[in-house]
Amino acid sequence: MSLTFHVDIVSAEGAIFSGIASMVVAPTVTGELGILARHAPLLARLKAGAVRVELGGVKEGEEEVFFISGGLLEIQPHVVTILADTTVRTRDMDEAAARAAVARIEKEMGGQQLPKVEYEKLKAELDMMVMLLRNIDRLQKKGKSSR
C-alpha cells in the first residue's frame, strides 16, 4: 500500500472533489507536475489542462481526471488543494457541446474587434474547450485499444 494524502479540488461552482490520493499530476504554467505524499510545500499557477488524481485507500488503482481552465495549486506535506477557475469531470464531458462551444467562441472572436479583457476571456474558454476535446479523443482511443 502506497503513502497517501488528502486532495481537495474546488472551483467557483463549489467543491468538485475531496478524497485520498496516492498521486496527483497537474498542468502548471512551467510544466506538468507530479505530486506524491510528503511533497515539499509549493504554490504554483495552473494552466488549462487535465488534472489526474490516482486514488488511494480503498479505491487504490482507480483514477479520476478533471479538466481545468487554470487556477492555483497549493501543496502541503499531507494536503493538496487545487483552486480551479472552472472544472469539468471526465464523466461529465460532452463532445458535442464542446465542439459547439468552440464554434461559438471562434465566431465571437473572429468577426469584430473585442476589448482586450473580453478577448482574453474568450481565448481562455477556447483553450479549455480545445484541451477538453483533445482529452476526449485520447480517452476514446485508449478505450478502443483496451478492448
N, C-alpha and C. Protein backbone atom coordinates (compact mmCIF):
# COMPACT_ATOMS: atom_id res chain seq x y z
N MET A 1 0.84 -1.17 0.00
CA MET A 1 0.00 0.00 0.00
C MET A 1 0.89 1.24 0.00
N SER A 2 0.60 2.18 -0.92
CA SER A 2 1.42 3.37 -1.04
C SER A 2 1.00 4.45 -0.05
N LEU A 3 1.89 5.41 0.15
CA LEU A 3 1.57 6.54 1.01
C LEU A 3 0.50 7.39 0.35
N THR A 4 -0.38 7.98 1.14
CA THR A 4 -1.48 8.76 0.59
C THR A 4 -1.53 10.15 1.23
N PHE A 5 -2.33 11.00 0.65
CA PHE A 5 -2.54 12.35 1.15
C PHE A 5 -3.94 12.80 0.74
N HIS A 6 -4.40 13.88 1.34
CA HIS A 6 -5.74 14.39 1.05
C HIS A 6 -5.68 15.38 -0.11
N VAL A 7 -6.68 15.32 -1.00
CA VAL A 7 -6.77 16.23 -2.14
C VAL A 7 -8.13 16.91 -2.14
N ASP A 8 -8.12 18.22 -2.33
CA ASP A 8 -9.35 18.99 -2.50
C ASP A 8 -9.25 19.74 -3.82
N ILE A 9 -10.28 19.62 -4.65
CA ILE A 9 -10.38 20.39 -5.88
C ILE A 9 -11.65 21.21 -5.78
N VAL A 10 -11.50 22.53 -5.84
CA VAL A 10 -12.65 23.42 -5.72
C VAL A 10 -12.62 24.44 -6.84
N SER A 11 -13.80 24.93 -7.20
CA SER A 11 -13.92 25.99 -8.18
C SER A 11 -15.00 26.94 -7.72
N ALA A 12 -15.29 27.93 -8.53
CA ALA A 12 -16.33 28.90 -8.18
C ALA A 12 -17.68 28.22 -8.01
N GLU A 13 -17.88 27.09 -8.71
CA GLU A 13 -19.15 26.35 -8.61
C GLU A 13 -19.27 25.60 -7.29
N GLY A 14 -18.16 25.38 -6.60
CA GLY A 14 -18.19 24.66 -5.33
C GLY A 14 -17.13 23.58 -5.28
N ALA A 15 -17.25 22.69 -4.30
CA ALA A 15 -16.31 21.58 -4.14
C ALA A 15 -16.54 20.57 -5.25
N ILE A 16 -15.48 20.19 -5.94
CA ILE A 16 -15.56 19.25 -7.05
C ILE A 16 -15.12 17.86 -6.61
N PHE A 17 -14.06 17.81 -5.81
CA PHE A 17 -13.52 16.52 -5.36
C PHE A 17 -12.87 16.72 -4.00
N SER A 18 -13.04 15.76 -3.14
CA SER A 18 -12.35 15.73 -1.86
C SER A 18 -12.13 14.27 -1.53
N GLY A 19 -10.88 13.86 -1.42
CA GLY A 19 -10.61 12.46 -1.15
C GLY A 19 -9.14 12.16 -0.94
N ILE A 20 -8.84 10.89 -0.88
CA ILE A 20 -7.49 10.39 -0.63
C ILE A 20 -6.85 9.99 -1.96
N ALA A 21 -5.59 10.38 -2.14
CA ALA A 21 -4.87 10.07 -3.37
C ALA A 21 -3.48 9.55 -3.06
N SER A 22 -2.95 8.77 -4.00
CA SER A 22 -1.56 8.34 -3.89
C SER A 22 -0.66 9.18 -4.78
N MET A 23 -1.28 9.87 -5.79
CA MET A 23 -0.52 10.75 -6.68
C MET A 23 -1.48 11.71 -7.38
N VAL A 24 -0.99 12.92 -7.66
CA VAL A 24 -1.72 13.90 -8.44
C VAL A 24 -0.77 14.43 -9.50
N VAL A 25 -1.27 14.58 -10.72
CA VAL A 25 -0.49 15.19 -11.80
C VAL A 25 -1.28 16.40 -12.27
N ALA A 26 -0.63 17.58 -12.25
CA ALA A 26 -1.32 18.83 -12.58
C ALA A 26 -0.53 19.64 -13.60
N PRO A 27 -1.24 20.37 -14.49
CA PRO A 27 -0.58 21.18 -15.52
C PRO A 27 -0.25 22.59 -15.01
N THR A 28 0.98 22.83 -14.59
CA THR A 28 1.37 24.17 -14.14
C THR A 28 1.86 24.97 -15.34
N VAL A 29 2.00 26.27 -15.16
CA VAL A 29 2.47 27.12 -16.26
C VAL A 29 3.92 26.82 -16.63
N THR A 30 4.66 26.15 -15.75
CA THR A 30 6.04 25.79 -16.05
C THR A 30 6.21 24.33 -16.47
N GLY A 31 5.11 23.60 -16.58
CA GLY A 31 5.16 22.20 -17.00
C GLY A 31 4.30 21.32 -16.10
N GLU A 32 4.20 20.06 -16.49
CA GLU A 32 3.39 19.11 -15.72
C GLU A 32 4.12 18.75 -14.43
N LEU A 33 3.36 18.70 -13.33
CA LEU A 33 3.95 18.44 -12.02
C LEU A 33 3.32 17.21 -11.41
N GLY A 34 4.14 16.25 -11.02
CA GLY A 34 3.68 15.06 -10.31
C GLY A 34 3.86 15.24 -8.81
N ILE A 35 2.82 14.92 -8.06
CA ILE A 35 2.84 15.15 -6.61
C ILE A 35 2.59 13.83 -5.89
N LEU A 36 3.49 13.49 -4.99
CA LEU A 36 3.35 12.30 -4.14
C LEU A 36 3.23 12.75 -2.69
N ALA A 37 2.92 11.83 -1.80
CA ALA A 37 2.82 12.14 -0.37
C ALA A 37 4.13 12.75 0.12
N ARG A 38 4.00 13.68 1.04
CA ARG A 38 5.14 14.34 1.68
C ARG A 38 5.93 15.23 0.71
N HIS A 39 5.29 15.69 -0.35
CA HIS A 39 5.93 16.62 -1.28
C HIS A 39 6.27 17.91 -0.54
N ALA A 40 7.31 18.56 -0.93
CA ALA A 40 7.68 19.84 -0.33
C ALA A 40 6.58 20.87 -0.57
N PRO A 41 6.35 21.75 0.38
CA PRO A 41 5.33 22.79 0.19
C PRO A 41 5.62 23.62 -1.06
N LEU A 42 4.54 23.97 -1.77
CA LEU A 42 4.70 24.68 -3.04
C LEU A 42 3.40 25.39 -3.37
N LEU A 43 3.52 26.54 -4.01
CA LEU A 43 2.37 27.26 -4.54
C LEU A 43 2.67 27.50 -6.00
N ALA A 44 1.76 27.11 -6.92
CA ALA A 44 2.02 27.23 -8.35
C ALA A 44 0.76 27.64 -9.10
N ARG A 45 0.95 28.37 -10.20
CA ARG A 45 -0.17 28.71 -11.08
C ARG A 45 -0.42 27.54 -12.01
N LEU A 46 -1.70 27.27 -12.26
CA LEU A 46 -2.11 26.19 -13.15
C LEU A 46 -2.56 26.76 -14.48
N LYS A 47 -2.33 25.99 -15.55
CA LYS A 47 -2.84 26.38 -16.86
C LYS A 47 -3.95 25.39 -17.25
N ALA A 48 -4.60 25.67 -18.35
CA ALA A 48 -5.66 24.78 -18.83
C ALA A 48 -5.08 23.39 -19.11
N GLY A 49 -5.79 22.37 -18.68
CA GLY A 49 -5.34 21.01 -18.92
C GLY A 49 -5.99 20.01 -17.98
N ALA A 50 -5.46 18.80 -18.03
CA ALA A 50 -6.00 17.69 -17.25
C ALA A 50 -5.28 17.56 -15.91
N VAL A 51 -6.06 17.40 -14.86
CA VAL A 51 -5.53 17.07 -13.53
C VAL A 51 -5.90 15.62 -13.29
N ARG A 52 -4.89 14.77 -13.11
CA ARG A 52 -5.13 13.35 -12.87
C ARG A 52 -4.90 13.06 -11.39
N VAL A 53 -5.89 12.40 -10.79
CA VAL A 53 -5.80 12.03 -9.38
C VAL A 53 -5.83 10.51 -9.30
N GLU A 54 -4.70 9.91 -8.91
CA GLU A 54 -4.66 8.47 -8.68
C GLU A 54 -5.13 8.25 -7.25
N LEU A 55 -6.25 7.58 -7.13
CA LEU A 55 -6.88 7.41 -5.83
C LEU A 55 -6.10 6.45 -4.94
N GLY A 56 -6.19 6.69 -3.65
CA GLY A 56 -5.55 5.82 -2.67
C GLY A 56 -6.59 5.23 -1.75
N GLY A 57 -6.14 4.57 -0.72
CA GLY A 57 -7.07 3.97 0.24
C GLY A 57 -7.82 2.82 -0.38
N VAL A 58 -9.13 2.73 -0.12
CA VAL A 58 -9.93 1.60 -0.60
C VAL A 58 -10.12 1.62 -2.11
N LYS A 59 -9.90 2.77 -2.76
CA LYS A 59 -10.06 2.88 -4.22
C LYS A 59 -8.70 2.88 -4.92
N GLU A 60 -7.67 2.37 -4.26
CA GLU A 60 -6.33 2.39 -4.83
C GLU A 60 -6.31 1.75 -6.22
N GLY A 61 -5.62 2.39 -7.13
CA GLY A 61 -5.53 1.90 -8.50
C GLY A 61 -6.51 2.58 -9.44
N GLU A 62 -7.56 3.20 -8.92
CA GLU A 62 -8.50 3.93 -9.76
C GLU A 62 -7.97 5.34 -10.01
N GLU A 63 -8.46 5.96 -11.08
CA GLU A 63 -8.01 7.31 -11.43
C GLU A 63 -9.21 8.19 -11.76
N GLU A 64 -9.17 9.42 -11.31
CA GLU A 64 -10.17 10.44 -11.66
C GLU A 64 -9.44 11.50 -12.46
N VAL A 65 -10.09 12.00 -13.52
CA VAL A 65 -9.49 13.04 -14.34
C VAL A 65 -10.44 14.24 -14.36
N PHE A 66 -9.86 15.42 -14.17
CA PHE A 66 -10.61 16.67 -14.18
C PHE A 66 -9.94 17.60 -15.18
N PHE A 67 -10.71 18.40 -15.88
CA PHE A 67 -10.15 19.37 -16.81
C PHE A 67 -10.40 20.75 -16.26
N ILE A 68 -9.33 21.54 -16.14
CA ILE A 68 -9.43 22.86 -15.55
C ILE A 68 -9.02 23.91 -16.59
N SER A 69 -9.49 25.13 -16.39
CA SER A 69 -9.12 26.22 -17.29
C SER A 69 -7.97 27.04 -16.73
N GLY A 70 -7.51 26.71 -15.56
CA GLY A 70 -6.44 27.44 -14.89
C GLY A 70 -6.76 27.53 -13.41
N GLY A 71 -5.85 28.14 -12.66
CA GLY A 71 -6.10 28.30 -11.23
C GLY A 71 -4.81 28.27 -10.44
N LEU A 72 -4.92 27.85 -9.20
CA LEU A 72 -3.77 27.78 -8.29
C LEU A 72 -3.67 26.39 -7.65
N LEU A 73 -2.46 25.99 -7.38
CA LEU A 73 -2.17 24.72 -6.74
C LEU A 73 -1.39 25.00 -5.46
N GLU A 74 -1.87 24.47 -4.34
CA GLU A 74 -1.14 24.58 -3.08
C GLU A 74 -0.80 23.18 -2.61
N ILE A 75 0.47 22.96 -2.33
CA ILE A 75 0.92 21.66 -1.84
C ILE A 75 1.45 21.83 -0.42
N GLN A 76 0.92 21.02 0.49
CA GLN A 76 1.42 20.89 1.85
C GLN A 76 1.80 19.42 2.02
N PRO A 77 2.59 19.06 3.01
CA PRO A 77 3.03 17.67 3.12
C PRO A 77 1.93 16.62 3.10
N HIS A 78 0.74 16.93 3.62
CA HIS A 78 -0.32 15.92 3.68
C HIS A 78 -1.61 16.35 3.00
N VAL A 79 -1.61 17.55 2.36
CA VAL A 79 -2.81 18.07 1.70
C VAL A 79 -2.43 18.80 0.42
N VAL A 80 -3.16 18.50 -0.65
CA VAL A 80 -3.01 19.22 -1.91
C VAL A 80 -4.35 19.88 -2.21
N THR A 81 -4.31 21.18 -2.49
CA THR A 81 -5.52 21.92 -2.80
C THR A 81 -5.38 22.55 -4.18
N ILE A 82 -6.38 22.31 -5.01
CA ILE A 82 -6.43 22.93 -6.33
C ILE A 82 -7.63 23.88 -6.35
N LEU A 83 -7.34 25.15 -6.58
CA LEU A 83 -8.36 26.17 -6.71
C LEU A 83 -8.48 26.46 -8.20
N ALA A 84 -9.47 25.88 -8.84
CA ALA A 84 -9.61 25.96 -10.29
C ALA A 84 -10.58 27.05 -10.69
N ASP A 85 -10.30 27.70 -11.82
CA ASP A 85 -11.22 28.70 -12.35
C ASP A 85 -12.53 28.01 -12.75
N THR A 86 -12.43 27.01 -13.62
CA THR A 86 -13.57 26.16 -13.98
C THR A 86 -13.08 24.73 -14.08
N THR A 87 -13.96 23.79 -13.83
CA THR A 87 -13.59 22.38 -13.81
C THR A 87 -14.67 21.53 -14.45
N VAL A 88 -14.24 20.49 -15.19
CA VAL A 88 -15.16 19.50 -15.76
C VAL A 88 -14.61 18.13 -15.43
N ARG A 89 -15.45 17.25 -14.88
CA ARG A 89 -15.04 15.86 -14.62
C ARG A 89 -15.08 15.06 -15.92
N THR A 90 -14.24 14.05 -16.01
CA THR A 90 -14.22 13.20 -17.19
C THR A 90 -15.59 12.65 -17.50
N ARG A 91 -16.29 12.16 -16.50
CA ARG A 91 -17.59 11.53 -16.74
C ARG A 91 -18.66 12.53 -17.16
N ASP A 92 -18.39 13.83 -16.98
CA ASP A 92 -19.35 14.85 -17.37
C ASP A 92 -19.04 15.48 -18.72
N MET A 93 -17.99 15.00 -19.41
CA MET A 93 -17.59 15.58 -20.68
C MET A 93 -18.61 15.29 -21.77
N ASP A 94 -18.90 16.30 -22.57
CA ASP A 94 -19.85 16.17 -23.66
C ASP A 94 -19.15 16.69 -24.92
N GLU A 95 -18.76 15.77 -25.81
CA GLU A 95 -18.01 16.14 -27.01
C GLU A 95 -18.80 17.09 -27.90
N ALA A 96 -20.07 16.81 -28.12
CA ALA A 96 -20.89 17.66 -29.00
C ALA A 96 -20.99 19.08 -28.43
N ALA A 97 -21.19 19.19 -27.13
CA ALA A 97 -21.29 20.51 -26.51
C ALA A 97 -19.96 21.26 -26.60
N ALA A 98 -18.84 20.54 -26.43
CA ALA A 98 -17.52 21.17 -26.53
C ALA A 98 -17.27 21.67 -27.96
N ARG A 99 -17.63 20.87 -28.95
CA ARG A 99 -17.45 21.30 -30.36
C ARG A 99 -18.33 22.51 -30.66
N ALA A 100 -19.55 22.52 -30.16
CA ALA A 100 -20.44 23.66 -30.37
C ALA A 100 -19.87 24.91 -29.69
N ALA A 101 -19.29 24.74 -28.51
CA ALA A 101 -18.69 25.88 -27.80
C ALA A 101 -17.50 26.43 -28.57
N VAL A 102 -16.67 25.56 -29.14
CA VAL A 102 -15.52 26.00 -29.94
C VAL A 102 -16.00 26.82 -31.12
N ALA A 103 -17.02 26.33 -31.83
CA ALA A 103 -17.56 27.05 -32.99
C ALA A 103 -18.10 28.42 -32.57
N ARG A 104 -18.83 28.47 -31.46
CA ARG A 104 -19.40 29.73 -30.97
C ARG A 104 -18.30 30.72 -30.61
N ILE A 105 -17.28 30.24 -29.90
CA ILE A 105 -16.19 31.12 -29.45
C ILE A 105 -15.41 31.64 -30.66
N GLU A 106 -15.10 30.76 -31.60
CA GLU A 106 -14.36 31.19 -32.79
C GLU A 106 -15.14 32.24 -33.57
N LYS A 107 -16.46 32.08 -33.64
CA LYS A 107 -17.30 33.06 -34.33
C LYS A 107 -17.25 34.41 -33.59
N GLU A 108 -17.35 34.37 -32.26
CA GLU A 108 -17.31 35.60 -31.46
C GLU A 108 -15.96 36.30 -31.58
N MET A 109 -14.89 35.52 -31.63
CA MET A 109 -13.55 36.11 -31.69
C MET A 109 -13.19 36.62 -33.07
N GLY A 110 -13.78 36.03 -34.11
CA GLY A 110 -13.36 36.32 -35.47
C GLY A 110 -13.96 37.55 -36.11
N GLY A 111 -15.20 37.86 -35.82
CA GLY A 111 -15.90 38.88 -36.57
C GLY A 111 -15.63 40.32 -36.21
N GLN A 112 -15.35 40.61 -34.98
CA GLN A 112 -15.31 42.01 -34.54
C GLN A 112 -14.09 42.28 -33.68
N GLN A 113 -13.80 43.55 -33.51
CA GLN A 113 -12.71 43.97 -32.64
C GLN A 113 -13.25 43.95 -31.20
N LEU A 114 -12.68 43.13 -30.36
CA LEU A 114 -13.15 42.98 -28.99
C LEU A 114 -12.24 43.71 -28.02
N PRO A 115 -12.78 44.18 -26.91
CA PRO A 115 -11.90 44.72 -25.85
C PRO A 115 -10.96 43.61 -25.37
N LYS A 116 -9.77 44.01 -24.96
CA LYS A 116 -8.75 43.03 -24.58
C LYS A 116 -9.25 42.06 -23.51
N VAL A 117 -9.97 42.55 -22.51
CA VAL A 117 -10.46 41.70 -21.42
C VAL A 117 -11.42 40.65 -21.97
N GLU A 118 -12.32 41.06 -22.84
CA GLU A 118 -13.28 40.11 -23.43
C GLU A 118 -12.56 39.09 -24.31
N TYR A 119 -11.58 39.56 -25.09
CA TYR A 119 -10.81 38.65 -25.95
C TYR A 119 -10.07 37.62 -25.11
N GLU A 120 -9.42 38.04 -24.04
CA GLU A 120 -8.68 37.12 -23.17
C GLU A 120 -9.61 36.10 -22.52
N LYS A 121 -10.79 36.54 -22.13
CA LYS A 121 -11.77 35.63 -21.54
C LYS A 121 -12.19 34.56 -22.56
N LEU A 122 -12.48 34.99 -23.78
CA LEU A 122 -12.85 34.03 -24.83
C LEU A 122 -11.70 33.11 -25.18
N LYS A 123 -10.47 33.65 -25.21
CA LYS A 123 -9.29 32.83 -25.51
C LYS A 123 -9.11 31.75 -24.45
N ALA A 124 -9.29 32.09 -23.18
CA ALA A 124 -9.16 31.10 -22.10
C ALA A 124 -10.23 30.03 -22.23
N GLU A 125 -11.44 30.43 -22.56
CA GLU A 125 -12.53 29.46 -22.74
C GLU A 125 -12.25 28.56 -23.94
N LEU A 126 -11.72 29.14 -25.01
CA LEU A 126 -11.37 28.35 -26.20
C LEU A 126 -10.27 27.35 -25.87
N ASP A 127 -9.25 27.79 -25.16
CA ASP A 127 -8.16 26.88 -24.76
C ASP A 127 -8.69 25.71 -23.95
N MET A 128 -9.62 25.99 -23.04
CA MET A 128 -10.22 24.94 -22.21
C MET A 128 -10.98 23.93 -23.08
N MET A 129 -11.78 24.42 -24.02
CA MET A 129 -12.58 23.53 -24.87
C MET A 129 -11.69 22.70 -25.79
N VAL A 130 -10.63 23.30 -26.34
CA VAL A 130 -9.70 22.56 -27.20
C VAL A 130 -9.01 21.47 -26.40
N MET A 131 -8.56 21.80 -25.18
CA MET A 131 -7.92 20.80 -24.32
C MET A 131 -8.90 19.69 -23.97
N LEU A 132 -10.13 20.05 -23.70
CA LEU A 132 -11.16 19.07 -23.39
C LEU A 132 -11.37 18.12 -24.57
N LEU A 133 -11.45 18.66 -25.79
CA LEU A 133 -11.64 17.81 -26.97
C LEU A 133 -10.45 16.89 -27.20
N ARG A 134 -9.24 17.39 -26.98
CA ARG A 134 -8.04 16.54 -27.12
C ARG A 134 -8.10 15.38 -26.14
N ASN A 135 -8.51 15.66 -24.93
CA ASN A 135 -8.55 14.61 -23.92
C ASN A 135 -9.70 13.64 -24.14
N ILE A 136 -10.82 14.11 -24.68
CA ILE A 136 -11.90 13.20 -25.05
C ILE A 136 -11.40 12.25 -26.12
N ASP A 137 -10.69 12.80 -27.12
CA ASP A 137 -10.14 11.98 -28.19
C ASP A 137 -9.14 10.96 -27.63
N ARG A 138 -8.27 11.40 -26.72
CA ARG A 138 -7.28 10.50 -26.11
C ARG A 138 -7.97 9.37 -25.34
N LEU A 139 -9.01 9.72 -24.59
CA LEU A 139 -9.73 8.71 -23.81
C LEU A 139 -10.48 7.73 -24.72
N GLN A 140 -11.02 8.23 -25.84
CA GLN A 140 -11.70 7.34 -26.78
C GLN A 140 -10.72 6.37 -27.41
N LYS A 141 -9.54 6.86 -27.79
CA LYS A 141 -8.51 5.99 -28.36
C LYS A 141 -8.03 4.96 -27.33
N LYS A 142 -7.88 5.40 -26.08
CA LYS A 142 -7.45 4.49 -25.01
C LYS A 142 -8.51 3.40 -24.79
N GLY A 143 -9.78 3.78 -24.84
CA GLY A 143 -10.86 2.81 -24.67
C GLY A 143 -10.91 1.79 -25.78
N LYS A 144 -10.64 2.23 -27.01
CA LYS A 144 -10.64 1.31 -28.16
C LYS A 144 -9.47 0.36 -28.09
N SER A 145 -8.30 0.84 -27.62
CA SER A 145 -7.13 -0.02 -27.58
C SER A 145 -7.19 -1.05 -26.45
N SER A 146 -8.03 -0.80 -25.44
CA SER A 146 -8.11 -1.74 -24.32
C SER A 146 -9.12 -2.84 -24.55
N ARG A 147 -9.84 -2.78 -25.66
CA ARG A 147 -10.84 -3.81 -25.95
C ARG A 147 -10.26 -5.05 -26.55
